[in-house]
């Protein structure tokens, strides 16, 4: 598996982003989704990552610079055929390493609740993320959950 920066123009990436958006909308109350679409990911403050096995896309993820010391994880998604193969772990480790290289002191993320988000919660907990208050422009709701990982 190779994790590399970029890939937003790849048809497989665009397709997985569409699946990601559909899954978020189907499993979240109206107004509670904060995923980024293709145009949102093309922001200079965002580094987009894609994981590949040869010509096959395995998963995606991104990190957004919130400020000089904090990054936010965005758009983590594993392709259905690659579930359970460590793709999320590989992308998350890449994001953590990138954040440390940039001198960030913390990584944060927002996600949802319910069965559709259980695997994400477990992944982040395995890597040391713990619950935190809402950050940036997010508001606390019964659905949304916030996590942080100190990088000291």
N, C-alpha and C. Protein backbone atom coordinates (compact mmCIF):
# COMPACT_ATOMS: atom_id res chain seq x y z
N UNK A 1 0.84 -1.18 0.00
CA UNK A 1 0.00 0.00 0.00
C UNK A 1 0.89 1.24 0.00
N UNK A 2 0.53 2.18 -0.85
CA UNK A 2 1.26 3.44 -0.92
C UNK A 2 0.29 4.59 -0.60
N UNK A 3 0.65 5.41 0.39
CA UNK A 3 -0.13 6.60 0.71
C UNK A 3 0.61 7.78 0.10
N UNK A 4 -0.10 8.54 -0.71
CA UNK A 4 0.53 9.68 -1.36
C UNK A 4 -0.37 10.90 -1.32
N UNK A 5 0.25 12.05 -1.44
CA UNK A 5 -0.49 13.30 -1.47
C UNK A 5 -1.12 13.49 -2.84
N UNK A 6 -2.30 14.08 -2.82
CA UNK A 6 -2.98 14.40 -4.07
C UNK A 6 -3.90 13.30 -4.55
N UNK A 7 -4.36 13.47 -5.76
CA UNK A 7 -5.23 12.48 -6.37
C UNK A 7 -6.66 12.97 -6.56
N UNK A 8 -6.92 14.23 -6.28
CA UNK A 8 -8.29 14.72 -6.36
C UNK A 8 -8.86 14.73 -7.78
N UNK A 9 -8.03 14.58 -8.78
CA UNK A 9 -8.52 14.52 -10.15
C UNK A 9 -8.72 13.10 -10.64
N UNK A 10 -8.38 12.12 -9.81
CA UNK A 10 -8.52 10.71 -10.19
C UNK A 10 -9.99 10.29 -10.14
N UNK A 11 -10.50 9.65 -11.18
CA UNK A 11 -11.91 9.21 -11.17
C UNK A 11 -12.26 8.32 -9.97
N UNK A 12 -11.37 7.44 -9.56
CA UNK A 12 -11.66 6.59 -8.41
C UNK A 12 -11.80 7.41 -7.13
N UNK A 13 -10.98 8.44 -6.99
CA UNK A 13 -11.06 9.32 -5.82
C UNK A 13 -12.39 10.07 -5.83
N UNK A 14 -12.74 10.61 -6.97
CA UNK A 14 -14.01 11.35 -7.08
C UNK A 14 -15.17 10.42 -6.73
N UNK A 15 -15.13 9.20 -7.20
CA UNK A 15 -16.18 8.23 -6.89
C UNK A 15 -16.25 7.92 -5.40
N UNK A 16 -15.09 7.74 -4.75
CA UNK A 16 -15.10 7.44 -3.32
C UNK A 16 -15.57 8.66 -2.51
N UNK A 17 -15.23 9.85 -2.96
CA UNK A 17 -15.74 11.05 -2.29
C UNK A 17 -17.27 11.13 -2.40
N UNK A 18 -17.82 10.72 -3.52
CA UNK A 18 -19.28 10.70 -3.68
C UNK A 18 -19.91 9.67 -2.75
N UNK A 19 -19.28 8.51 -2.62
CA UNK A 19 -19.77 7.49 -1.68
C UNK A 19 -19.69 8.00 -0.26
N UNK A 20 -18.59 8.67 0.07
CA UNK A 20 -18.40 9.24 1.40
C UNK A 20 -19.51 10.25 1.71
N UNK A 21 -19.77 11.15 0.79
CA UNK A 21 -20.82 12.15 0.98
C UNK A 21 -22.18 11.48 1.19
N UNK A 22 -22.47 10.50 0.36
CA UNK A 22 -23.74 9.79 0.49
C UNK A 22 -23.88 9.09 1.83
N UNK A 23 -22.79 8.47 2.30
CA UNK A 23 -22.81 7.80 3.59
C UNK A 23 -22.99 8.76 4.74
N UNK A 24 -22.33 9.90 4.66
CA UNK A 24 -22.45 10.90 5.72
C UNK A 24 -23.89 11.44 5.77
N UNK A 25 -24.44 11.75 4.61
CA UNK A 25 -25.80 12.29 4.58
C UNK A 25 -26.84 11.26 5.02
N UNK A 26 -26.62 9.99 4.67
CA UNK A 26 -27.57 8.94 5.03
C UNK A 26 -27.54 8.61 6.51
N UNK A 27 -26.43 8.86 7.17
CA UNK A 27 -26.26 8.46 8.57
C UNK A 27 -26.17 9.62 9.55
N UNK A 28 -26.56 10.81 9.09
CA UNK A 28 -26.46 12.02 9.93
C UNK A 28 -27.74 12.82 9.85
N UNK A 29 -28.13 13.45 10.95
CA UNK A 29 -29.29 14.34 10.88
C UNK A 29 -29.01 15.53 9.97
N UNK A 30 -30.06 16.08 9.41
CA UNK A 30 -29.91 17.24 8.54
C UNK A 30 -29.19 18.36 9.29
N UNK A 31 -28.20 18.95 8.63
CA UNK A 31 -27.45 20.05 9.22
C UNK A 31 -26.30 19.63 10.10
N UNK A 32 -26.10 18.31 10.29
CA UNK A 32 -25.04 17.83 11.17
C UNK A 32 -23.81 17.32 10.42
N UNK A 33 -23.85 17.36 9.09
CA UNK A 33 -22.71 16.89 8.29
C UNK A 33 -21.72 18.02 8.04
N UNK A 34 -20.45 17.68 8.19
CA UNK A 34 -19.41 18.67 7.97
C UNK A 34 -18.31 18.14 7.06
N UNK A 35 -18.65 17.19 6.19
CA UNK A 35 -17.67 16.66 5.25
C UNK A 35 -17.38 17.70 4.17
N UNK A 36 -16.23 17.57 3.55
CA UNK A 36 -15.87 18.47 2.46
C UNK A 36 -16.08 17.76 1.13
N UNK A 37 -16.69 18.45 0.19
CA UNK A 37 -16.82 17.89 -1.15
C UNK A 37 -15.52 18.14 -1.93
N UNK A 38 -15.52 17.74 -3.17
CA UNK A 38 -14.31 17.85 -4.00
C UNK A 38 -13.79 19.28 -4.03
N UNK A 39 -14.65 20.25 -4.25
CA UNK A 39 -14.18 21.64 -4.32
C UNK A 39 -13.65 22.10 -2.96
N UNK A 40 -14.27 21.66 -1.87
CA UNK A 40 -13.81 22.03 -0.54
C UNK A 40 -12.44 21.47 -0.21
N UNK A 41 -12.14 20.31 -0.76
CA UNK A 41 -10.84 19.68 -0.52
C UNK A 41 -9.72 20.31 -1.34
N UNK A 42 -10.09 21.10 -2.34
CA UNK A 42 -9.09 21.76 -3.18
C UNK A 42 -8.65 23.10 -2.60
N UNK A 43 -8.73 23.23 -1.30
CA UNK A 43 -8.34 24.44 -0.58
C UNK A 43 -6.84 24.36 -0.27
N UNK A 44 -6.10 25.46 -0.38
CA UNK A 44 -4.66 25.41 -0.10
C UNK A 44 -4.32 25.05 1.35
N UNK A 45 -5.28 25.19 2.27
CA UNK A 45 -5.04 24.82 3.67
C UNK A 45 -5.22 23.32 3.91
N UNK A 46 -5.55 22.58 2.86
CA UNK A 46 -5.84 21.14 3.01
C UNK A 46 -4.83 20.33 2.22
N UNK A 47 -4.32 19.30 2.89
CA UNK A 47 -3.47 18.31 2.22
C UNK A 47 -4.31 17.04 2.09
N UNK A 48 -4.56 16.65 0.85
CA UNK A 48 -5.37 15.47 0.57
C UNK A 48 -4.45 14.27 0.35
N UNK A 49 -4.83 13.14 0.91
CA UNK A 49 -4.06 11.90 0.79
C UNK A 49 -4.92 10.80 0.19
N UNK A 50 -4.30 9.95 -0.57
CA UNK A 50 -4.99 8.78 -1.11
C UNK A 50 -4.08 7.57 -0.96
N UNK A 51 -4.68 6.44 -0.64
CA UNK A 51 -3.94 5.19 -0.46
C UNK A 51 -4.24 4.27 -1.64
N UNK A 52 -3.20 3.69 -2.18
CA UNK A 52 -3.32 2.88 -3.40
C UNK A 52 -2.59 1.55 -3.27
N UNK A 53 -3.13 0.55 -3.94
CA UNK A 53 -2.44 -0.72 -4.17
C UNK A 53 -2.40 -0.87 -5.67
N UNK A 54 -1.25 -0.54 -6.24
CA UNK A 54 -1.17 -0.51 -7.70
C UNK A 54 -2.07 0.58 -8.23
N UNK A 55 -3.01 0.21 -9.09
CA UNK A 55 -3.95 1.17 -9.68
C UNK A 55 -5.29 1.20 -8.96
N UNK A 56 -5.37 0.52 -7.81
CA UNK A 56 -6.63 0.43 -7.08
C UNK A 56 -6.63 1.37 -5.88
N UNK A 57 -7.61 2.23 -5.81
CA UNK A 57 -7.76 3.14 -4.67
C UNK A 57 -8.27 2.35 -3.47
N UNK A 58 -7.60 2.51 -2.34
CA UNK A 58 -7.99 1.83 -1.12
C UNK A 58 -8.69 2.76 -0.13
N UNK A 59 -8.31 4.04 -0.12
CA UNK A 59 -8.91 4.96 0.83
C UNK A 59 -8.40 6.36 0.66
N UNK A 60 -9.02 7.26 1.41
CA UNK A 60 -8.69 8.68 1.34
C UNK A 60 -8.70 9.30 2.73
N UNK A 61 -8.08 10.44 2.84
CA UNK A 61 -8.09 11.23 4.07
C UNK A 61 -7.45 12.57 3.78
N UNK A 62 -7.63 13.49 4.70
CA UNK A 62 -7.06 14.82 4.51
C UNK A 62 -6.78 15.45 5.86
N UNK A 63 -5.89 16.43 5.84
CA UNK A 63 -5.63 17.23 7.04
C UNK A 63 -5.73 18.70 6.64
N UNK A 64 -6.47 19.44 7.44
CA UNK A 64 -6.68 20.87 7.22
C UNK A 64 -5.92 21.64 8.28
N UNK A 65 -5.18 22.65 7.86
CA UNK A 65 -4.49 23.52 8.81
C UNK A 65 -5.52 24.48 9.41
N UNK A 66 -5.77 24.34 10.72
CA UNK A 66 -6.67 25.27 11.40
C UNK A 66 -5.93 26.54 11.80
N UNK A 67 -4.68 26.36 12.21
CA UNK A 67 -3.78 27.46 12.53
C UNK A 67 -2.37 26.89 12.50
N UNK A 68 -1.40 27.64 12.95
CA UNK A 68 0.00 27.20 12.85
C UNK A 68 0.31 25.99 13.73
N UNK A 69 -0.55 25.71 14.71
CA UNK A 69 -0.27 24.63 15.66
C UNK A 69 -1.28 23.49 15.64
N UNK A 70 -2.37 23.63 14.88
CA UNK A 70 -3.44 22.64 14.96
C UNK A 70 -3.90 22.22 13.57
N UNK A 71 -4.04 20.91 13.39
CA UNK A 71 -4.60 20.36 12.17
C UNK A 71 -5.91 19.66 12.46
N UNK A 72 -6.76 19.60 11.46
CA UNK A 72 -8.04 18.89 11.57
C UNK A 72 -8.09 17.78 10.54
N UNK A 73 -8.43 16.59 10.98
CA UNK A 73 -8.59 15.46 10.07
C UNK A 73 -9.94 15.57 9.38
N UNK A 74 -9.93 15.40 8.06
CA UNK A 74 -11.14 15.50 7.25
C UNK A 74 -11.23 14.31 6.29
N UNK A 75 -12.43 13.97 5.91
CA UNK A 75 -12.72 13.08 4.77
C UNK A 75 -12.02 11.72 4.82
N UNK A 76 -11.95 11.12 6.00
CA UNK A 76 -11.39 9.77 6.08
C UNK A 76 -12.43 8.78 5.57
N UNK A 77 -12.01 7.92 4.63
CA UNK A 77 -12.92 6.91 4.08
C UNK A 77 -12.10 5.79 3.47
N UNK A 78 -12.49 4.56 3.75
CA UNK A 78 -11.87 3.38 3.14
C UNK A 78 -12.85 2.82 2.11
N UNK A 79 -12.32 2.42 0.97
CA UNK A 79 -13.15 1.78 -0.05
C UNK A 79 -13.74 0.49 0.51
N UNK A 80 -14.96 0.20 0.16
CA UNK A 80 -15.67 -0.97 0.68
C UNK A 80 -14.85 -2.25 0.54
N UNK A 81 -14.22 -2.46 -0.61
CA UNK A 81 -13.46 -3.69 -0.86
C UNK A 81 -12.19 -3.78 -0.01
N UNK A 82 -11.78 -2.67 0.59
CA UNK A 82 -10.53 -2.65 1.36
C UNK A 82 -10.77 -2.58 2.87
N UNK A 83 -12.01 -2.65 3.31
CA UNK A 83 -12.31 -2.59 4.74
C UNK A 83 -11.60 -3.73 5.48
N UNK A 84 -11.08 -3.42 6.66
CA UNK A 84 -10.42 -4.43 7.48
C UNK A 84 -8.99 -4.74 7.08
N UNK A 85 -8.43 -3.97 6.17
CA UNK A 85 -7.08 -4.22 5.69
C UNK A 85 -6.05 -3.21 6.21
N UNK A 86 -6.45 -2.38 7.16
CA UNK A 86 -5.51 -1.42 7.74
C UNK A 86 -5.34 -0.13 6.97
N UNK A 87 -6.23 0.14 6.04
CA UNK A 87 -6.13 1.34 5.23
C UNK A 87 -6.30 2.59 6.07
N UNK A 88 -7.33 2.62 6.91
CA UNK A 88 -7.56 3.77 7.77
C UNK A 88 -6.38 4.03 8.68
N UNK A 89 -5.81 2.96 9.23
CA UNK A 89 -4.63 3.09 10.10
C UNK A 89 -3.46 3.69 9.32
N UNK A 90 -3.23 3.21 8.11
CA UNK A 90 -2.11 3.72 7.31
C UNK A 90 -2.28 5.20 7.00
N UNK A 91 -3.48 5.60 6.62
CA UNK A 91 -3.72 7.02 6.30
C UNK A 91 -3.60 7.86 7.56
N UNK A 92 -4.18 7.38 8.67
CA UNK A 92 -4.12 8.15 9.91
C UNK A 92 -2.68 8.31 10.38
N UNK A 93 -1.89 7.26 10.31
CA UNK A 93 -0.47 7.36 10.70
C UNK A 93 0.26 8.35 9.82
N UNK A 94 -0.06 8.37 8.54
CA UNK A 94 0.55 9.33 7.62
C UNK A 94 0.17 10.76 8.01
N UNK A 95 -1.09 10.97 8.35
CA UNK A 95 -1.55 12.30 8.77
C UNK A 95 -0.84 12.72 10.05
N UNK A 96 -0.73 11.81 11.01
CA UNK A 96 -0.06 12.13 12.27
C UNK A 96 1.40 12.50 12.03
N UNK A 97 2.08 11.73 11.19
CA UNK A 97 3.48 12.03 10.87
C UNK A 97 3.60 13.39 10.18
N UNK A 98 2.71 13.66 9.26
CA UNK A 98 2.71 14.94 8.55
C UNK A 98 2.48 16.10 9.53
N UNK A 99 1.55 15.92 10.46
CA UNK A 99 1.27 16.95 11.46
C UNK A 99 2.50 17.21 12.33
N UNK A 100 3.18 16.17 12.73
CA UNK A 100 4.39 16.33 13.54
C UNK A 100 5.48 17.06 12.74
N UNK A 101 5.63 16.71 11.46
CA UNK A 101 6.62 17.40 10.62
C UNK A 101 6.32 18.89 10.51
N UNK A 102 5.05 19.23 10.50
CA UNK A 102 4.64 20.63 10.38
C UNK A 102 4.74 21.37 11.71
N UNK A 103 5.02 20.66 12.77
CA UNK A 103 5.14 21.29 14.08
C UNK A 103 3.83 21.51 14.79
N UNK A 104 2.77 20.83 14.35
CA UNK A 104 1.49 20.95 15.03
C UNK A 104 1.63 20.40 16.45
N UNK A 105 0.90 20.99 17.36
CA UNK A 105 0.86 20.49 18.73
C UNK A 105 -0.38 19.65 18.98
N UNK A 106 -1.34 19.66 18.03
CA UNK A 106 -2.55 18.86 18.19
C UNK A 106 -3.19 18.59 16.84
N UNK A 107 -3.86 17.45 16.79
CA UNK A 107 -4.76 17.11 15.69
C UNK A 107 -6.15 17.00 16.30
N UNK A 108 -7.15 17.50 15.58
CA UNK A 108 -8.53 17.40 16.05
C UNK A 108 -9.40 16.86 14.93
N UNK A 109 -10.60 16.42 15.31
CA UNK A 109 -11.54 15.96 14.31
C UNK A 109 -12.96 16.03 14.86
N UNK A 110 -13.89 16.09 13.93
CA UNK A 110 -15.32 16.04 14.24
C UNK A 110 -15.87 14.83 13.52
N UNK A 111 -16.74 14.09 14.19
CA UNK A 111 -17.40 12.94 13.58
C UNK A 111 -18.79 12.80 14.18
N UNK A 112 -19.49 11.78 13.75
CA UNK A 112 -20.86 11.57 14.21
C UNK A 112 -20.95 10.46 15.23
N UNK A 113 -22.18 10.08 15.53
CA UNK A 113 -22.46 9.00 16.46
C UNK A 113 -23.32 7.95 15.78
N UNK A 114 -23.40 6.81 16.41
CA UNK A 114 -24.21 5.72 15.88
C UNK A 114 -23.34 4.65 15.24
N UNK A 115 -23.98 3.58 14.85
CA UNK A 115 -23.27 2.41 14.33
C UNK A 115 -22.38 2.73 13.13
N UNK A 116 -22.81 3.63 12.28
CA UNK A 116 -22.02 3.97 11.09
C UNK A 116 -20.69 4.62 11.44
N UNK A 117 -20.55 5.12 12.67
CA UNK A 117 -19.34 5.82 13.08
C UNK A 117 -18.52 5.04 14.11
N UNK A 118 -19.00 3.87 14.51
CA UNK A 118 -18.31 3.08 15.54
C UNK A 118 -16.88 2.72 15.14
N UNK A 119 -16.68 2.30 13.90
CA UNK A 119 -15.33 1.92 13.45
C UNK A 119 -14.39 3.12 13.49
N UNK A 120 -14.88 4.29 13.12
CA UNK A 120 -14.05 5.50 13.17
C UNK A 120 -13.68 5.82 14.60
N UNK A 121 -14.64 5.75 15.51
CA UNK A 121 -14.35 6.02 16.93
C UNK A 121 -13.27 5.07 17.43
N UNK A 122 -13.38 3.79 17.08
CA UNK A 122 -12.40 2.79 17.53
C UNK A 122 -11.02 3.09 16.94
N UNK A 123 -10.96 3.45 15.66
CA UNK A 123 -9.69 3.78 15.02
C UNK A 123 -9.01 4.94 15.74
N UNK A 124 -9.75 6.00 15.97
CA UNK A 124 -9.16 7.17 16.60
C UNK A 124 -8.74 6.87 18.05
N UNK A 125 -9.55 6.12 18.78
CA UNK A 125 -9.20 5.75 20.16
C UNK A 125 -7.92 4.92 20.20
N UNK A 126 -7.75 3.99 19.26
CA UNK A 126 -6.54 3.16 19.20
C UNK A 126 -5.29 4.01 19.00
N UNK A 127 -5.44 5.17 18.41
CA UNK A 127 -4.30 6.04 18.13
C UNK A 127 -4.17 7.19 19.13
N UNK A 128 -4.91 7.11 20.23
CA UNK A 128 -4.72 8.07 21.31
C UNK A 128 -5.63 9.28 21.31
N UNK A 129 -6.55 9.36 20.39
CA UNK A 129 -7.49 10.48 20.37
C UNK A 129 -8.46 10.34 21.53
N UNK A 130 -8.77 11.45 22.17
CA UNK A 130 -9.72 11.47 23.28
C UNK A 130 -10.77 12.55 23.03
N UNK A 131 -11.94 12.42 23.65
CA UNK A 131 -12.97 13.43 23.45
C UNK A 131 -12.48 14.82 23.87
N UNK A 132 -12.96 15.82 23.15
CA UNK A 132 -12.61 17.22 23.45
C UNK A 132 -13.83 18.08 23.16
N UNK A 133 -13.80 19.32 23.58
CA UNK A 133 -14.91 20.24 23.26
C UNK A 133 -14.93 20.57 21.77
N UNK A 134 -16.05 21.10 21.33
CA UNK A 134 -16.15 21.58 19.94
C UNK A 134 -15.05 22.60 19.69
N UNK A 135 -14.60 22.69 18.47
CA UNK A 135 -13.51 23.60 18.11
C UNK A 135 -13.87 24.29 16.80
N UNK A 136 -13.04 25.24 16.42
CA UNK A 136 -13.25 26.03 15.19
C UNK A 136 -14.68 26.57 15.19
N UNK A 137 -15.40 26.37 14.09
CA UNK A 137 -16.77 26.90 13.99
C UNK A 137 -17.84 25.86 14.32
N UNK A 138 -17.43 24.69 14.81
CA UNK A 138 -18.39 23.64 15.14
C UNK A 138 -19.21 23.99 16.37
N UNK A 139 -20.41 23.44 16.43
CA UNK A 139 -21.25 23.56 17.61
C UNK A 139 -21.54 22.17 18.14
N UNK A 140 -21.60 22.05 19.45
CA UNK A 140 -21.92 20.78 20.08
C UNK A 140 -23.39 20.44 19.86
N UNK A 141 -23.65 19.21 19.42
CA UNK A 141 -25.01 18.70 19.28
C UNK A 141 -25.05 17.30 19.90
N UNK A 142 -26.23 16.72 19.95
CA UNK A 142 -26.34 15.34 20.44
C UNK A 142 -25.67 14.37 19.48
N UNK A 143 -25.53 14.74 18.24
CA UNK A 143 -24.98 13.84 17.21
C UNK A 143 -23.48 13.96 17.05
N UNK A 144 -22.96 15.18 17.01
CA UNK A 144 -21.56 15.39 16.69
C UNK A 144 -20.65 15.08 17.88
N UNK A 145 -19.49 14.50 17.58
CA UNK A 145 -18.48 14.21 18.58
C UNK A 145 -17.16 14.82 18.12
N UNK A 146 -16.34 15.22 19.08
CA UNK A 146 -15.08 15.89 18.80
C UNK A 146 -13.97 15.17 19.53
N UNK A 147 -12.84 15.00 18.86
CA UNK A 147 -11.70 14.29 19.42
C UNK A 147 -10.43 15.07 19.14
N UNK A 148 -9.44 14.88 20.03
CA UNK A 148 -8.15 15.56 19.86
C UNK A 148 -7.02 14.60 20.22
N UNK A 149 -5.89 14.82 19.59
CA UNK A 149 -4.67 14.07 19.87
C UNK A 149 -3.56 15.09 20.11
N UNK A 150 -3.04 15.20 21.35
CA UNK A 150 -1.89 16.09 21.55
C UNK A 150 -0.66 15.49 20.87
N UNK A 151 0.16 16.34 20.29
CA UNK A 151 1.34 15.87 19.56
C UNK A 151 2.64 16.35 20.22
N UNK A 152 2.62 16.63 21.49
CA UNK A 152 3.81 17.15 22.19
C UNK A 152 4.96 16.18 22.12
